């Protein structure tokens, strides 16, 4: 998690002419484009969504619900089930 100092710097960047220009470039890159491919890439703390557009640019999207903390919170049973596939000797239900 960031701090208010981080948010202040983001605000400063977004209000600057350079920041506005960069965000406009990104907007123009994305507007009126067609998605031609979507791939997922596992990172250390999240799953990235890599979207390829019809102009051959690839855009990486970070979705909060694909963050490891969110995945652990929302899918703990699934993670535990898969964990036990990796370490079946730790399954307490089978040990009883």
N, C-alpha and C. Protein backbone atom coordinates (compact mmCIF):
# COMPACT_ATOMS: atom_id res chain seq x y z
N UNK A 1 0.83 -1.17 0.00
CA UNK A 1 0.00 0.00 0.00
C UNK A 1 0.88 1.25 0.00
N UNK A 2 0.41 2.24 -0.68
CA UNK A 2 1.15 3.49 -0.73
C UNK A 2 0.76 4.43 0.38
N UNK A 3 1.38 5.57 0.34
CA UNK A 3 1.11 6.58 1.36
C UNK A 3 0.50 7.82 0.70
N UNK A 4 0.13 8.77 1.52
CA UNK A 4 -0.39 10.03 0.99
C UNK A 4 0.68 10.77 0.19
N UNK A 5 1.95 10.56 0.52
CA UNK A 5 3.04 11.17 -0.26
C UNK A 5 3.02 10.63 -1.69
N UNK A 6 2.76 9.32 -1.82
CA UNK A 6 2.68 8.72 -3.15
C UNK A 6 1.53 9.34 -3.94
N UNK A 7 0.38 9.47 -3.30
CA UNK A 7 -0.79 10.05 -3.96
C UNK A 7 -0.55 11.50 -4.36
N UNK A 8 0.14 12.23 -3.51
CA UNK A 8 0.45 13.63 -3.84
C UNK A 8 1.35 13.70 -5.08
N UNK A 9 2.32 12.82 -5.18
CA UNK A 9 3.20 12.81 -6.36
C UNK A 9 2.43 12.42 -7.62
N UNK A 10 1.51 11.47 -7.49
CA UNK A 10 0.67 11.10 -8.63
C UNK A 10 -0.15 12.30 -9.08
N UNK A 11 -0.75 13.00 -8.12
CA UNK A 11 -1.54 14.20 -8.44
C UNK A 11 -0.68 15.25 -9.14
N UNK A 12 0.53 15.46 -8.64
CA UNK A 12 1.43 16.46 -9.24
C UNK A 12 1.76 16.08 -10.68
N UNK A 13 2.05 14.80 -10.90
CA UNK A 13 2.37 14.34 -12.25
C UNK A 13 1.16 14.52 -13.18
N UNK A 14 -0.02 14.13 -12.72
CA UNK A 14 -1.22 14.22 -13.56
C UNK A 14 -1.60 15.64 -13.92
N UNK A 15 -1.28 16.60 -13.08
CA UNK A 15 -1.63 17.99 -13.40
C UNK A 15 -0.56 18.67 -14.25
N UNK A 16 0.62 18.08 -14.35
CA UNK A 16 1.69 18.68 -15.16
C UNK A 16 1.38 18.53 -16.65
N UNK A 17 1.94 19.41 -17.43
CA UNK A 17 1.76 19.34 -18.89
C UNK A 17 2.31 18.03 -19.44
N UNK A 18 3.47 17.61 -18.92
CA UNK A 18 4.07 16.36 -19.39
C UNK A 18 3.19 15.16 -19.04
N UNK A 19 2.66 15.17 -17.84
CA UNK A 19 1.77 14.09 -17.41
C UNK A 19 0.52 14.03 -18.26
N UNK A 20 -0.08 15.19 -18.50
CA UNK A 20 -1.27 15.27 -19.35
C UNK A 20 -0.97 14.77 -20.75
N UNK A 21 0.20 15.13 -21.29
CA UNK A 21 0.57 14.69 -22.63
C UNK A 21 0.74 13.17 -22.68
N UNK A 22 1.40 12.62 -21.68
CA UNK A 22 1.59 11.17 -21.65
C UNK A 22 0.25 10.44 -21.55
N UNK A 23 -0.63 10.90 -20.68
CA UNK A 23 -1.93 10.26 -20.53
C UNK A 23 -2.77 10.39 -21.80
N UNK A 24 -2.65 11.52 -22.49
CA UNK A 24 -3.34 11.69 -23.77
C UNK A 24 -2.80 10.72 -24.83
N UNK A 25 -1.49 10.53 -24.85
CA UNK A 25 -0.88 9.56 -25.78
C UNK A 25 -1.42 8.17 -25.52
N UNK A 26 -1.52 7.79 -24.26
CA UNK A 26 -2.04 6.47 -23.90
C UNK A 26 -3.51 6.36 -24.31
N UNK A 27 -4.27 7.40 -24.06
CA UNK A 27 -5.69 7.42 -24.44
C UNK A 27 -5.84 7.23 -25.94
N UNK A 28 -5.04 7.96 -26.72
CA UNK A 28 -5.12 7.86 -28.17
C UNK A 28 -4.66 6.50 -28.68
N UNK A 29 -3.74 5.88 -27.98
CA UNK A 29 -3.28 4.54 -28.34
C UNK A 29 -4.41 3.52 -28.19
N UNK A 30 -5.29 3.74 -27.21
CA UNK A 30 -6.33 2.77 -26.89
C UNK A 30 -7.67 3.01 -27.56
N UNK A 31 -7.99 4.29 -27.81
CA UNK A 31 -9.31 4.60 -28.36
C UNK A 31 -9.53 3.97 -29.73
N UNK A 32 -10.73 3.44 -29.92
CA UNK A 32 -11.17 2.88 -31.21
C UNK A 32 -10.31 1.71 -31.68
N UNK A 33 -9.70 1.01 -30.77
CA UNK A 33 -8.88 -0.16 -31.12
C UNK A 33 -9.65 -1.43 -30.81
N UNK A 34 -9.27 -2.47 -31.49
CA UNK A 34 -9.86 -3.78 -31.28
C UNK A 34 -8.83 -4.66 -30.56
N UNK A 35 -9.31 -5.42 -29.59
CA UNK A 35 -8.44 -6.37 -28.90
C UNK A 35 -8.34 -7.62 -29.78
N UNK A 36 -7.11 -8.02 -30.09
CA UNK A 36 -6.91 -9.20 -30.93
C UNK A 36 -6.35 -10.39 -30.16
N UNK A 37 -5.84 -10.14 -28.95
CA UNK A 37 -5.33 -11.25 -28.14
C UNK A 37 -5.24 -10.82 -26.68
N UNK A 38 -5.40 -11.78 -25.80
CA UNK A 38 -5.25 -11.55 -24.36
C UNK A 38 -4.44 -12.70 -23.79
N UNK A 39 -3.38 -12.37 -23.08
CA UNK A 39 -2.55 -13.38 -22.42
C UNK A 39 -2.37 -12.99 -20.96
N UNK A 40 -2.16 -13.99 -20.13
CA UNK A 40 -1.95 -13.77 -18.71
C UNK A 40 -0.52 -14.15 -18.37
N UNK A 41 0.11 -13.32 -17.54
CA UNK A 41 1.49 -13.59 -17.12
C UNK A 41 1.56 -13.56 -15.61
N UNK A 42 2.03 -14.66 -15.06
CA UNK A 42 2.16 -14.76 -13.60
C UNK A 42 3.39 -13.99 -13.14
N UNK A 43 3.19 -13.10 -12.21
CA UNK A 43 4.26 -12.34 -11.59
C UNK A 43 4.36 -12.78 -10.12
N UNK A 44 5.27 -12.20 -9.38
CA UNK A 44 5.46 -12.58 -7.98
C UNK A 44 4.23 -12.27 -7.14
N UNK A 45 3.61 -11.11 -7.35
CA UNK A 45 2.51 -10.72 -6.47
C UNK A 45 1.20 -10.43 -7.20
N UNK A 46 1.12 -10.78 -8.47
CA UNK A 46 -0.12 -10.56 -9.21
C UNK A 46 -0.09 -11.31 -10.53
N UNK A 47 -1.23 -11.32 -11.20
CA UNK A 47 -1.32 -11.85 -12.55
C UNK A 47 -1.56 -10.66 -13.47
N UNK A 48 -0.66 -10.47 -14.42
CA UNK A 48 -0.81 -9.39 -15.39
C UNK A 48 -1.71 -9.84 -16.53
N UNK A 49 -2.47 -8.90 -17.07
CA UNK A 49 -3.27 -9.15 -18.26
C UNK A 49 -2.61 -8.38 -19.39
N UNK A 50 -2.12 -9.09 -20.39
CA UNK A 50 -1.46 -8.46 -21.54
C UNK A 50 -2.40 -8.49 -22.73
N UNK A 51 -2.82 -7.31 -23.15
CA UNK A 51 -3.79 -7.16 -24.22
C UNK A 51 -3.07 -6.66 -25.47
N UNK A 52 -3.22 -7.40 -26.57
CA UNK A 52 -2.66 -6.98 -27.85
C UNK A 52 -3.78 -6.34 -28.67
N UNK A 53 -3.48 -5.16 -29.18
CA UNK A 53 -4.46 -4.40 -29.96
C UNK A 53 -4.23 -4.60 -31.45
N UNK A 54 -5.19 -4.18 -32.25
CA UNK A 54 -5.09 -4.35 -33.69
C UNK A 54 -3.99 -3.50 -34.33
N UNK A 55 -3.43 -2.56 -33.59
CA UNK A 55 -2.29 -1.78 -34.10
C UNK A 55 -0.97 -2.39 -33.64
N UNK A 56 -1.03 -3.63 -33.11
CA UNK A 56 0.11 -4.43 -32.67
C UNK A 56 0.76 -3.94 -31.39
N UNK A 57 0.20 -2.94 -30.74
CA UNK A 57 0.68 -2.53 -29.42
C UNK A 57 0.15 -3.50 -28.38
N UNK A 58 0.96 -3.77 -27.37
CA UNK A 58 0.52 -4.59 -26.25
C UNK A 58 0.43 -3.71 -25.02
N UNK A 59 -0.67 -3.84 -24.32
CA UNK A 59 -0.93 -3.06 -23.12
C UNK A 59 -1.03 -4.02 -21.95
N UNK A 60 -0.33 -3.72 -20.88
CA UNK A 60 -0.40 -4.53 -19.67
C UNK A 60 -1.38 -3.87 -18.71
N UNK A 61 -2.34 -4.66 -18.25
CA UNK A 61 -3.36 -4.17 -17.34
C UNK A 61 -3.21 -4.89 -16.01
N UNK A 62 -3.21 -4.12 -14.93
CA UNK A 62 -3.17 -4.70 -13.60
C UNK A 62 -4.55 -4.56 -12.99
N UNK A 63 -5.13 -5.68 -12.62
CA UNK A 63 -6.47 -5.69 -12.07
C UNK A 63 -6.38 -6.01 -10.58
N UNK A 64 -6.94 -5.17 -9.74
CA UNK A 64 -6.81 -5.38 -8.29
C UNK A 64 -7.24 -6.77 -7.83
N UNK A 65 -8.23 -7.36 -8.46
CA UNK A 65 -8.69 -8.67 -8.01
C UNK A 65 -7.77 -9.81 -8.44
N UNK A 66 -6.73 -9.50 -9.23
CA UNK A 66 -5.72 -10.49 -9.58
C UNK A 66 -4.43 -10.30 -8.78
N UNK A 67 -4.49 -9.50 -7.76
CA UNK A 67 -3.39 -9.31 -6.81
C UNK A 67 -3.38 -10.51 -5.86
N UNK A 68 -2.20 -10.94 -5.43
CA UNK A 68 -2.09 -12.13 -4.59
C UNK A 68 -2.91 -12.02 -3.31
N UNK A 69 -2.98 -10.84 -2.72
CA UNK A 69 -3.75 -10.68 -1.48
C UNK A 69 -5.24 -10.87 -1.73
N UNK A 70 -5.72 -10.34 -2.83
CA UNK A 70 -7.13 -10.50 -3.18
C UNK A 70 -7.43 -11.96 -3.52
N UNK A 71 -6.54 -12.60 -4.27
CA UNK A 71 -6.72 -14.01 -4.61
C UNK A 71 -6.76 -14.86 -3.34
N UNK A 72 -5.84 -14.59 -2.41
CA UNK A 72 -5.83 -15.35 -1.16
C UNK A 72 -7.12 -15.15 -0.38
N UNK A 73 -7.61 -13.92 -0.35
CA UNK A 73 -8.82 -13.61 0.40
C UNK A 73 -10.05 -14.25 -0.23
N UNK A 74 -10.16 -14.18 -1.54
CA UNK A 74 -11.36 -14.63 -2.22
C UNK A 74 -11.35 -16.10 -2.64
N UNK A 75 -10.18 -16.70 -2.70
CA UNK A 75 -10.08 -18.07 -3.20
C UNK A 75 -9.24 -18.95 -2.28
N UNK A 76 -9.35 -18.73 -0.98
CA UNK A 76 -8.51 -19.46 -0.02
C UNK A 76 -8.74 -20.97 -0.09
N UNK A 77 -9.98 -21.40 -0.28
CA UNK A 77 -10.25 -22.84 -0.36
C UNK A 77 -9.58 -23.47 -1.57
N UNK A 78 -9.61 -22.78 -2.67
CA UNK A 78 -8.96 -23.30 -3.88
C UNK A 78 -7.46 -23.35 -3.70
N UNK A 79 -6.89 -22.30 -3.13
CA UNK A 79 -5.44 -22.29 -2.89
C UNK A 79 -5.04 -23.42 -1.95
N UNK A 80 -5.83 -23.62 -0.90
CA UNK A 80 -5.53 -24.70 0.04
C UNK A 80 -5.62 -26.07 -0.64
N UNK A 81 -6.64 -26.27 -1.46
CA UNK A 81 -6.77 -27.54 -2.19
C UNK A 81 -5.55 -27.78 -3.08
N UNK A 82 -5.13 -26.74 -3.80
CA UNK A 82 -3.98 -26.89 -4.70
C UNK A 82 -2.68 -27.05 -3.91
N UNK A 83 -2.60 -26.39 -2.77
CA UNK A 83 -1.44 -26.54 -1.88
C UNK A 83 -1.29 -28.00 -1.46
N UNK A 84 -2.39 -28.63 -1.12
CA UNK A 84 -2.34 -30.02 -0.68
C UNK A 84 -1.97 -30.98 -1.80
N UNK A 85 -2.17 -30.57 -3.03
CA UNK A 85 -1.67 -31.36 -4.17
C UNK A 85 -0.15 -31.32 -4.20
N UNK A 86 0.41 -30.17 -3.81
CA UNK A 86 1.87 -30.03 -3.77
C UNK A 86 2.46 -30.77 -2.57
N UNK A 87 1.73 -30.77 -1.45
CA UNK A 87 2.20 -31.36 -0.20
C UNK A 87 1.12 -32.27 0.39
N UNK A 88 0.85 -33.40 -0.23
CA UNK A 88 -0.22 -34.28 0.26
C UNK A 88 0.02 -34.80 1.67
N UNK A 89 1.27 -34.89 2.07
CA UNK A 89 1.59 -35.38 3.41
C UNK A 89 1.13 -34.41 4.50
N UNK A 90 0.76 -33.20 4.15
CA UNK A 90 0.31 -32.20 5.12
C UNK A 90 -1.22 -32.16 5.24
N UNK A 91 -1.91 -33.03 4.55
CA UNK A 91 -3.37 -33.04 4.59
C UNK A 91 -3.82 -33.68 5.91
N UNK A 92 -4.29 -32.87 6.82
CA UNK A 92 -4.70 -33.35 8.14
C UNK A 92 -5.90 -34.27 8.07
N UNK A 93 -6.77 -34.09 7.09
CA UNK A 93 -7.95 -34.95 6.95
C UNK A 93 -7.55 -36.38 6.64
N UNK A 94 -6.50 -36.56 5.84
CA UNK A 94 -6.04 -37.91 5.48
C UNK A 94 -5.24 -38.54 6.60
N UNK A 95 -4.69 -37.74 7.48
CA UNK A 95 -3.87 -38.26 8.58
C UNK A 95 -4.73 -38.83 9.71
N UNK A 96 -5.99 -38.46 9.78
CA UNK A 96 -6.87 -38.92 10.87
C UNK A 96 -7.42 -40.30 10.61
